[in-house]
Amino acid sequence: MIKVLRADITSLSVDAIVNAANEALRRGGGVDGAIHRAAGPELQEELLAFASCPTGQSVITKGYRLPAKYVIHAVGPMWRGGHANEARLLASAYASAFARAAEHPDIRSIAFPAISTGIYGFPKTEAARIAVSVMRDHEAQYTEIVACLFDEESADLYERLLATPA
């Protein structure tokens, strides 16, 4: 089941939350900063074990002080006008997050932010289409997939897309 919530992803009681991370895997702003603040300094300490993470890929860590047991750090692309494989890289970031989750059989519920739509500038409509498509591809493997969105516009967009048959 895929559901849409307008909420703070750091407050969700799911098995894993996805972080919109940067390639350096260092604390940034937006969702990333909020997740780091809520998880505590141990999260960044664990991430120091990774040199970096390429765009379109992800790594997994513990959730530390979060309600979620795990954080999957997915690196989405910066929008460069749509001619630099941004759509493929964004789909890959979502798929990679599901691949990391599949490595942990105890992950049955997972929550995603709208990856790349903040300061990375990915157009919300196109990003939502990609996210919903990849979520639908993995829906059968999870008890719950949550699109956790910050603003009403994005929540409405996801709701409309999910109301349309695949």
N, C-alpha and C. Protein backbone atom coordinates (compact mmCIF):
# COMPACT_ATOMS: atom_id res chain seq x y z
N MET A 1 0.83 -1.17 0.00
CA MET A 1 0.00 0.00 0.00
C MET A 1 0.89 1.25 0.00
N ILE A 2 0.58 2.18 -0.89
CA ILE A 2 1.28 3.46 -0.94
C ILE A 2 0.34 4.52 -0.38
N LYS A 3 0.84 5.30 0.55
CA LYS A 3 0.02 6.38 1.07
C LYS A 3 0.80 7.68 1.08
N VAL A 4 0.06 8.76 1.07
CA VAL A 4 0.64 10.10 1.04
C VAL A 4 0.39 10.76 2.39
N LEU A 5 1.44 11.29 2.97
CA LEU A 5 1.33 12.04 4.23
C LEU A 5 2.02 13.38 4.07
N ARG A 6 1.41 14.39 4.60
CA ARG A 6 2.08 15.69 4.72
C ARG A 6 2.52 15.76 6.17
N ALA A 7 3.81 15.49 6.39
CA ALA A 7 4.30 15.35 7.76
C ALA A 7 5.81 15.57 7.79
N ASP A 8 6.35 15.54 8.99
CA ASP A 8 7.78 15.59 9.22
C ASP A 8 8.29 14.15 9.16
N ILE A 9 9.10 13.82 8.18
CA ILE A 9 9.56 12.45 7.98
C ILE A 9 10.31 11.92 9.21
N THR A 10 10.91 12.80 9.99
CA THR A 10 11.66 12.35 11.17
C THR A 10 10.76 11.85 12.29
N SER A 11 9.46 12.09 12.18
CA SER A 11 8.53 11.67 13.23
C SER A 11 7.83 10.36 12.91
N LEU A 12 8.05 9.81 11.73
CA LEU A 12 7.30 8.63 11.30
C LEU A 12 7.81 7.35 11.94
N SER A 13 6.87 6.53 12.39
CA SER A 13 7.20 5.22 12.95
C SER A 13 7.11 4.17 11.84
N VAL A 14 8.12 4.18 11.00
CA VAL A 14 8.26 3.19 9.94
C VAL A 14 9.61 2.51 10.14
N ASP A 15 9.84 1.41 9.44
CA ASP A 15 11.10 0.69 9.61
C ASP A 15 12.29 1.48 9.06
N ALA A 16 12.06 2.19 7.94
CA ALA A 16 13.14 2.96 7.33
C ALA A 16 12.59 4.25 6.74
N ILE A 17 13.39 5.30 6.85
CA ILE A 17 13.07 6.55 6.14
C ILE A 17 14.19 6.78 5.13
N VAL A 18 13.85 7.45 4.06
CA VAL A 18 14.83 7.77 3.04
C VAL A 18 15.22 9.24 3.20
N ASN A 19 16.50 9.47 3.13
CA ASN A 19 17.06 10.81 3.22
C ASN A 19 17.44 11.28 1.82
N ALA A 20 17.11 12.50 1.47
CA ALA A 20 17.57 13.11 0.23
C ALA A 20 18.98 13.62 0.49
N ALA A 21 19.96 12.76 0.25
CA ALA A 21 21.34 13.03 0.63
C ALA A 21 22.13 13.69 -0.50
N ASN A 22 23.30 14.21 -0.14
CA ASN A 22 24.23 14.72 -1.14
C ASN A 22 25.33 13.68 -1.37
N GLU A 23 26.06 13.83 -2.47
CA GLU A 23 27.09 12.84 -2.82
C GLU A 23 28.15 12.68 -1.74
N ALA A 24 28.44 13.74 -1.02
CA ALA A 24 29.47 13.67 0.03
C ALA A 24 28.97 12.95 1.28
N LEU A 25 27.65 12.73 1.37
CA LEU A 25 27.04 12.09 2.54
C LEU A 25 27.34 12.87 3.82
N ARG A 26 27.38 14.18 3.67
CA ARG A 26 27.59 15.05 4.82
C ARG A 26 26.33 15.85 5.07
N ARG A 27 26.13 16.21 6.31
CA ARG A 27 24.93 16.94 6.70
C ARG A 27 24.73 18.18 5.83
N GLY A 28 23.52 18.28 5.29
CA GLY A 28 23.19 19.43 4.45
C GLY A 28 21.99 20.15 5.02
N GLY A 29 21.21 20.76 4.16
CA GLY A 29 20.01 21.47 4.59
C GLY A 29 18.76 20.66 4.30
N GLY A 30 17.63 21.31 4.39
CA GLY A 30 16.36 20.68 4.06
C GLY A 30 16.09 19.40 4.83
N VAL A 31 15.59 18.39 4.12
CA VAL A 31 15.27 17.09 4.71
C VAL A 31 16.52 16.48 5.34
N ASP A 32 17.64 16.58 4.64
CA ASP A 32 18.89 16.01 5.14
C ASP A 32 19.26 16.60 6.50
N GLY A 33 19.21 17.91 6.61
CA GLY A 33 19.53 18.57 7.87
C GLY A 33 18.58 18.16 8.99
N ALA A 34 17.29 18.08 8.66
CA ALA A 34 16.29 17.68 9.66
C ALA A 34 16.54 16.26 10.16
N ILE A 35 16.87 15.36 9.25
CA ILE A 35 17.13 13.97 9.63
C ILE A 35 18.38 13.90 10.51
N HIS A 36 19.42 14.61 10.15
CA HIS A 36 20.64 14.61 10.96
C HIS A 36 20.38 15.18 12.36
N ARG A 37 19.64 16.28 12.43
CA ARG A 37 19.33 16.87 13.75
C ARG A 37 18.56 15.88 14.62
N ALA A 38 17.57 15.23 14.04
CA ALA A 38 16.73 14.31 14.82
C ALA A 38 17.45 13.02 15.19
N ALA A 39 18.31 12.53 14.31
CA ALA A 39 19.02 11.26 14.57
C ALA A 39 20.15 11.43 15.57
N GLY A 40 20.75 12.61 15.60
CA GLY A 40 21.87 12.84 16.50
C GLY A 40 23.21 12.68 15.78
N PRO A 41 24.29 13.06 16.45
CA PRO A 41 25.62 13.07 15.82
C PRO A 41 26.13 11.69 15.41
N GLU A 42 25.58 10.64 15.98
CA GLU A 42 26.03 9.29 15.61
C GLU A 42 25.77 8.99 14.14
N LEU A 43 24.73 9.60 13.58
CA LEU A 43 24.41 9.37 12.17
C LEU A 43 25.57 9.84 11.29
N GLN A 44 26.03 11.07 11.50
CA GLN A 44 27.15 11.58 10.70
C GLN A 44 28.41 10.76 10.95
N GLU A 45 28.61 10.33 12.19
CA GLU A 45 29.79 9.51 12.50
C GLU A 45 29.77 8.22 11.68
N GLU A 46 28.61 7.57 11.57
CA GLU A 46 28.51 6.35 10.77
C GLU A 46 28.75 6.64 9.29
N LEU A 47 28.24 7.77 8.82
CA LEU A 47 28.41 8.12 7.41
C LEU A 47 29.86 8.41 7.04
N LEU A 48 30.70 8.74 8.01
CA LEU A 48 32.11 8.99 7.73
C LEU A 48 32.81 7.74 7.19
N ALA A 49 32.22 6.57 7.39
CA ALA A 49 32.79 5.33 6.87
C ALA A 49 32.69 5.26 5.34
N PHE A 50 31.83 6.08 4.75
CA PHE A 50 31.65 6.10 3.30
C PHE A 50 32.39 7.31 2.73
N ALA A 51 33.20 7.10 1.71
CA ALA A 51 33.91 8.21 1.08
C ALA A 51 32.91 9.14 0.38
N SER A 52 31.93 8.55 -0.27
CA SER A 52 30.90 9.31 -0.99
C SER A 52 29.86 8.32 -1.51
N CYS A 53 28.87 8.86 -2.21
CA CYS A 53 27.85 8.03 -2.83
C CYS A 53 27.47 8.69 -4.15
N PRO A 54 27.59 7.98 -5.26
CA PRO A 54 27.29 8.60 -6.55
C PRO A 54 25.80 8.94 -6.69
N THR A 55 25.52 9.93 -7.50
CA THR A 55 24.14 10.29 -7.81
C THR A 55 23.43 9.07 -8.40
N GLY A 56 22.22 8.84 -7.93
CA GLY A 56 21.44 7.69 -8.38
C GLY A 56 21.61 6.45 -7.51
N GLN A 57 22.48 6.53 -6.52
CA GLN A 57 22.74 5.39 -5.63
C GLN A 57 22.36 5.74 -4.19
N SER A 58 22.54 4.77 -3.28
CA SER A 58 22.19 5.00 -1.88
C SER A 58 23.03 4.14 -0.96
N VAL A 59 23.05 4.53 0.31
CA VAL A 59 23.67 3.75 1.38
C VAL A 59 22.68 3.71 2.54
N ILE A 60 22.87 2.76 3.43
CA ILE A 60 21.96 2.61 4.57
C ILE A 60 22.74 2.71 5.88
N THR A 61 22.11 3.35 6.86
CA THR A 61 22.68 3.47 8.20
C THR A 61 21.59 3.15 9.22
N LYS A 62 22.02 3.12 10.47
CA LYS A 62 21.06 3.01 11.57
C LYS A 62 20.29 4.33 11.69
N GLY A 63 19.15 4.29 12.38
CA GLY A 63 18.34 5.48 12.58
C GLY A 63 18.67 6.25 13.85
N TYR A 64 19.41 5.63 14.74
CA TYR A 64 19.82 6.25 16.00
C TYR A 64 18.62 6.80 16.79
N ARG A 65 18.48 8.09 16.96
CA ARG A 65 17.42 8.64 17.82
C ARG A 65 16.07 8.81 17.10
N LEU A 66 16.01 8.40 15.85
CA LEU A 66 14.75 8.48 15.09
C LEU A 66 13.82 7.32 15.47
N PRO A 67 12.52 7.47 15.26
CA PRO A 67 11.62 6.33 15.44
C PRO A 67 11.93 5.21 14.43
N ALA A 68 12.44 5.57 13.25
CA ALA A 68 12.79 4.59 12.23
C ALA A 68 14.10 3.89 12.61
N LYS A 69 14.16 2.59 12.37
CA LYS A 69 15.35 1.81 12.70
C LYS A 69 16.51 2.11 11.74
N TYR A 70 16.16 2.46 10.48
CA TYR A 70 17.17 2.70 9.46
C TYR A 70 16.93 4.02 8.74
N VAL A 71 18.02 4.57 8.19
CA VAL A 71 17.95 5.70 7.27
C VAL A 71 18.66 5.26 5.99
N ILE A 72 17.97 5.40 4.88
CA ILE A 72 18.56 5.11 3.58
C ILE A 72 18.86 6.47 2.93
N HIS A 73 20.12 6.70 2.65
CA HIS A 73 20.57 7.98 2.11
C HIS A 73 20.66 7.85 0.59
N ALA A 74 19.67 8.40 -0.11
CA ALA A 74 19.61 8.30 -1.57
C ALA A 74 20.01 9.64 -2.18
N VAL A 75 20.90 9.57 -3.15
CA VAL A 75 21.41 10.78 -3.80
C VAL A 75 20.69 10.98 -5.13
N GLY A 76 19.85 12.01 -5.15
CA GLY A 76 19.16 12.36 -6.37
C GLY A 76 19.95 13.38 -7.17
N PRO A 77 19.57 13.58 -8.41
CA PRO A 77 20.30 14.51 -9.27
C PRO A 77 19.89 15.96 -9.10
N MET A 78 20.80 16.85 -9.41
CA MET A 78 20.46 18.26 -9.54
C MET A 78 19.82 18.43 -10.92
N TRP A 79 18.81 19.27 -10.99
CA TRP A 79 18.14 19.55 -12.25
C TRP A 79 19.04 20.44 -13.11
N ARG A 80 19.31 19.99 -14.32
CA ARG A 80 20.15 20.75 -15.25
C ARG A 80 19.41 20.98 -16.57
N GLY A 81 18.08 21.11 -16.47
CA GLY A 81 17.29 21.38 -17.66
C GLY A 81 16.70 20.15 -18.32
N GLY A 82 16.98 18.98 -17.78
CA GLY A 82 16.40 17.75 -18.31
C GLY A 82 17.22 17.05 -19.37
N HIS A 83 18.44 17.53 -19.63
CA HIS A 83 19.26 16.95 -20.70
C HIS A 83 20.51 16.25 -20.17
N ALA A 84 20.54 15.97 -18.88
CA ALA A 84 21.71 15.35 -18.26
C ALA A 84 21.31 14.05 -17.54
N ASN A 85 20.38 13.30 -18.13
CA ASN A 85 19.93 12.03 -17.57
C ASN A 85 19.29 12.16 -16.19
N GLU A 86 18.73 13.33 -15.88
CA GLU A 86 18.16 13.55 -14.56
C GLU A 86 17.04 12.57 -14.23
N ALA A 87 16.15 12.30 -15.19
CA ALA A 87 15.03 11.39 -14.93
C ALA A 87 15.53 9.99 -14.61
N ARG A 88 16.48 9.50 -15.39
CA ARG A 88 17.04 8.17 -15.15
C ARG A 88 17.74 8.12 -13.79
N LEU A 89 18.49 9.17 -13.46
CA LEU A 89 19.20 9.19 -12.18
C LEU A 89 18.24 9.27 -11.00
N LEU A 90 17.14 10.01 -11.14
CA LEU A 90 16.18 10.08 -10.05
C LEU A 90 15.49 8.72 -9.86
N ALA A 91 15.09 8.09 -10.95
CA ALA A 91 14.49 6.75 -10.85
C ALA A 91 15.47 5.78 -10.21
N SER A 92 16.74 5.90 -10.56
CA SER A 92 17.77 5.04 -9.99
C SER A 92 17.94 5.28 -8.49
N ALA A 93 17.84 6.53 -8.04
CA ALA A 93 17.95 6.83 -6.61
C ALA A 93 16.83 6.14 -5.83
N TYR A 94 15.60 6.22 -6.36
CA TYR A 94 14.48 5.53 -5.69
C TYR A 94 14.67 4.02 -5.73
N ALA A 95 15.04 3.48 -6.88
CA ALA A 95 15.24 2.03 -7.00
C ALA A 95 16.37 1.55 -6.09
N SER A 96 17.44 2.34 -6.00
CA SER A 96 18.55 1.98 -5.13
C SER A 96 18.12 1.95 -3.67
N ALA A 97 17.27 2.90 -3.27
CA ALA A 97 16.76 2.90 -1.89
C ALA A 97 15.98 1.62 -1.60
N PHE A 98 15.17 1.20 -2.56
CA PHE A 98 14.45 -0.07 -2.38
C PHE A 98 15.41 -1.25 -2.34
N ALA A 99 16.49 -1.20 -3.12
CA ALA A 99 17.49 -2.27 -3.10
C ALA A 99 18.17 -2.35 -1.73
N ARG A 100 18.52 -1.18 -1.15
CA ARG A 100 19.13 -1.19 0.19
C ARG A 100 18.13 -1.77 1.21
N ALA A 101 16.88 -1.37 1.10
CA ALA A 101 15.85 -1.88 2.03
C ALA A 101 15.71 -3.40 1.90
N ALA A 102 15.79 -3.91 0.68
CA ALA A 102 15.63 -5.35 0.44
C ALA A 102 16.75 -6.16 1.09
N GLU A 103 17.88 -5.53 1.36
CA GLU A 103 19.00 -6.20 2.02
C GLU A 103 18.71 -6.44 3.51
N HIS A 104 17.65 -5.85 4.02
CA HIS A 104 17.27 -5.96 5.43
C HIS A 104 15.84 -6.47 5.52
N PRO A 105 15.66 -7.78 5.71
CA PRO A 105 14.31 -8.36 5.71
C PRO A 105 13.37 -7.77 6.77
N ASP A 106 13.93 -7.10 7.78
CA ASP A 106 13.07 -6.50 8.80
C ASP A 106 12.47 -5.17 8.35
N ILE A 107 12.85 -4.68 7.20
CA ILE A 107 12.25 -3.45 6.67
C ILE A 107 11.00 -3.83 5.88
N ARG A 108 9.85 -3.53 6.46
CA ARG A 108 8.56 -3.83 5.81
C ARG A 108 7.80 -2.54 5.50
N SER A 109 8.23 -1.42 6.11
CA SER A 109 7.60 -0.13 5.83
C SER A 109 8.71 0.90 5.60
N ILE A 110 8.47 1.78 4.62
CA ILE A 110 9.50 2.73 4.21
C ILE A 110 8.85 4.05 3.81
N ALA A 111 9.48 5.15 4.16
CA ALA A 111 8.95 6.48 3.84
C ALA A 111 9.98 7.26 3.02
N PHE A 112 9.49 7.92 1.99
CA PHE A 112 10.32 8.72 1.08
C PHE A 112 9.92 10.18 1.12
N PRO A 113 10.89 11.08 1.06
CA PRO A 113 10.59 12.49 0.77
C PRO A 113 10.52 12.64 -0.75
N ALA A 114 10.27 13.83 -1.23
CA ALA A 114 10.30 14.11 -2.66
C ALA A 114 11.75 14.43 -3.04
N ILE A 115 12.51 13.40 -3.34
CA ILE A 115 13.94 13.53 -3.61
C ILE A 115 14.19 14.48 -4.78
N SER A 116 15.15 15.34 -4.61
CA SER A 116 15.66 16.29 -5.61
C SER A 116 14.75 17.48 -5.91
N THR A 117 13.61 17.61 -5.25
CA THR A 117 12.70 18.70 -5.59
C THR A 117 12.92 19.97 -4.78
N GLY A 118 13.81 19.93 -3.83
CA GLY A 118 14.12 21.12 -3.04
C GLY A 118 15.19 21.95 -3.74
N ILE A 119 16.32 22.14 -3.08
CA ILE A 119 17.36 22.99 -3.66
C ILE A 119 17.97 22.38 -4.92
N TYR A 120 17.76 21.09 -5.18
CA TYR A 120 18.27 20.48 -6.41
C TYR A 120 17.40 20.85 -7.61
N GLY A 121 16.21 21.41 -7.38
CA GLY A 121 15.42 22.04 -8.43
C GLY A 121 14.69 21.14 -9.41
N PHE A 122 14.58 19.84 -9.13
CA PHE A 122 13.88 18.94 -10.05
C PHE A 122 12.40 19.34 -10.08
N PRO A 123 11.80 19.49 -11.27
CA PRO A 123 10.38 19.87 -11.35
C PRO A 123 9.50 18.87 -10.60
N LYS A 124 8.63 19.39 -9.75
CA LYS A 124 7.83 18.53 -8.86
C LYS A 124 6.95 17.54 -9.61
N THR A 125 6.33 17.95 -10.70
CA THR A 125 5.43 17.05 -11.42
C THR A 125 6.18 15.86 -12.00
N GLU A 126 7.28 16.11 -12.67
CA GLU A 126 8.07 15.03 -13.25
C GLU A 126 8.66 14.14 -12.15
N ALA A 127 9.15 14.75 -11.09
CA ALA A 127 9.72 13.97 -9.98
C ALA A 127 8.66 13.08 -9.34
N ALA A 128 7.46 13.58 -9.18
CA ALA A 128 6.38 12.79 -8.58
C ALA A 128 6.01 11.61 -9.48
N ARG A 129 5.95 11.84 -10.78
CA ARG A 129 5.65 10.72 -11.71
C ARG A 129 6.68 9.61 -11.57
N ILE A 130 7.94 10.00 -11.52
CA ILE A 130 9.03 9.02 -11.38
C ILE A 130 8.91 8.29 -10.05
N ALA A 131 8.73 9.04 -8.97
CA ALA A 131 8.64 8.43 -7.64
C ALA A 131 7.49 7.44 -7.55
N VAL A 132 6.31 7.85 -8.01
CA VAL A 132 5.13 6.98 -7.93
C VAL A 132 5.34 5.73 -8.78
N SER A 133 5.93 5.88 -9.94
CA SER A 133 6.19 4.72 -10.80
C SER A 133 7.09 3.69 -10.10
N VAL A 134 8.19 4.17 -9.52
CA VAL A 134 9.12 3.25 -8.85
C VAL A 134 8.47 2.67 -7.60
N MET A 135 7.72 3.47 -6.86
CA MET A 135 7.02 2.96 -5.68
C MET A 135 6.05 1.84 -6.07
N ARG A 136 5.31 2.05 -7.15
CA ARG A 136 4.37 1.01 -7.61
C ARG A 136 5.11 -0.27 -7.99
N ASP A 137 6.30 -0.15 -8.57
CA ASP A 137 7.09 -1.33 -8.93
C ASP A 137 7.47 -2.18 -7.72
N HIS A 138 7.52 -1.57 -6.54
CA HIS A 138 7.97 -2.26 -5.32
C HIS A 138 6.85 -2.45 -4.29
N GLU A 139 5.67 -2.04 -4.62
CA GLU A 139 4.56 -2.03 -3.67
C GLU A 139 4.28 -3.40 -3.05
N ALA A 140 4.39 -4.45 -3.81
CA ALA A 140 4.05 -5.79 -3.32
C ALA A 140 5.02 -6.29 -2.24
N GLN A 141 6.21 -5.72 -2.18
CA GLN A 141 7.21 -6.21 -1.22
C GLN A 141 7.11 -5.57 0.17
N TYR A 142 6.22 -4.58 0.33
CA TYR A 142 6.17 -3.83 1.59
C TYR A 142 4.75 -3.74 2.13
N THR A 143 4.64 -3.70 3.43
CA THR A 143 3.32 -3.50 4.03
C THR A 143 2.88 -2.06 3.87
N GLU A 144 3.87 -1.14 3.79
CA GLU A 144 3.54 0.28 3.66
C GLU A 144 4.69 1.04 3.01
N ILE A 145 4.35 1.82 1.99
CA ILE A 145 5.28 2.78 1.40
C ILE A 145 4.61 4.14 1.58
N VAL A 146 5.37 5.07 2.15
CA VAL A 146 4.82 6.39 2.43
C VAL A 146 5.55 7.43 1.61
N ALA A 147 4.78 8.26 0.92
CA ALA A 147 5.33 9.47 0.29
C ALA A 147 5.10 10.57 1.32
N CYS A 148 6.15 10.96 2.00
CA CYS A 148 6.06 11.96 3.08
C CYS A 148 6.48 13.30 2.51
N LEU A 149 5.50 14.17 2.36
CA LEU A 149 5.73 15.41 1.63
C LEU A 149 5.60 16.63 2.51
N PHE A 150 6.35 17.65 2.15
CA PHE A 150 6.46 18.85 2.95
C PHE A 150 5.34 19.85 2.68
N ASP A 151 4.90 19.92 1.42
CA ASP A 151 3.95 20.97 1.06
C ASP A 151 2.67 20.38 0.47
N GLU A 152 1.61 21.17 0.54
CA GLU A 152 0.29 20.75 0.06
C GLU A 152 0.30 20.47 -1.44
N GLU A 153 0.99 21.30 -2.21
CA GLU A 153 1.06 21.12 -3.67
C GLU A 153 1.60 19.73 -4.01
N SER A 154 2.69 19.32 -3.38
CA SER A 154 3.27 18.00 -3.65
C SER A 154 2.35 16.89 -3.20
N ALA A 155 1.75 17.04 -2.04
CA ALA A 155 0.82 16.02 -1.55
C ALA A 155 -0.35 15.83 -2.51
N ASP A 156 -0.92 16.92 -2.99
CA ASP A 156 -2.02 16.84 -3.95
C ASP A 156 -1.57 16.16 -5.24
N LEU A 157 -0.38 16.48 -5.69
CA LEU A 157 0.15 15.89 -6.91
C LEU A 157 0.30 14.38 -6.78
N TYR A 158 0.88 13.92 -5.69
CA TYR A 158 1.03 12.48 -5.45
C TYR A 158 -0.34 11.81 -5.34
N GLU A 159 -1.27 12.42 -4.63
CA GLU A 159 -2.61 11.85 -4.50
C GLU A 159 -3.25 11.66 -5.87
N ARG A 160 -3.15 12.67 -6.73
CA ARG A 160 -3.73 12.57 -8.08
C ARG A 160 -3.06 11.46 -8.88
N LEU A 161 -1.75 11.37 -8.81
CA LEU A 161 -1.04 10.33 -9.55
C LEU A 161 -1.41 8.93 -9.05
N LEU A 162 -1.54 8.79 -7.75
CA LEU A 162 -1.89 7.48 -7.18
C LEU A 162 -3.34 7.09 -7.46
N ALA A 163 -4.19 8.08 -7.69
CA ALA A 163 -5.60 7.81 -8.02
C ALA A 163 -5.76 7.33 -9.47
N THR A 164 -4.73 7.55 -10.29
CA THR A 164 -4.75 7.14 -11.70
C THR A 164 -4.20 5.73 -11.79
N PRO A 165 -4.90 4.83 -12.49
CA PRO A 165 -4.38 3.47 -12.64
C PRO A 165 -3.00 3.46 -13.30
N ALA A 166 -2.18 2.52 -12.88
CA ALA A 166 -0.80 2.42 -13.39
C ALA A 166 -0.77 2.10 -14.87
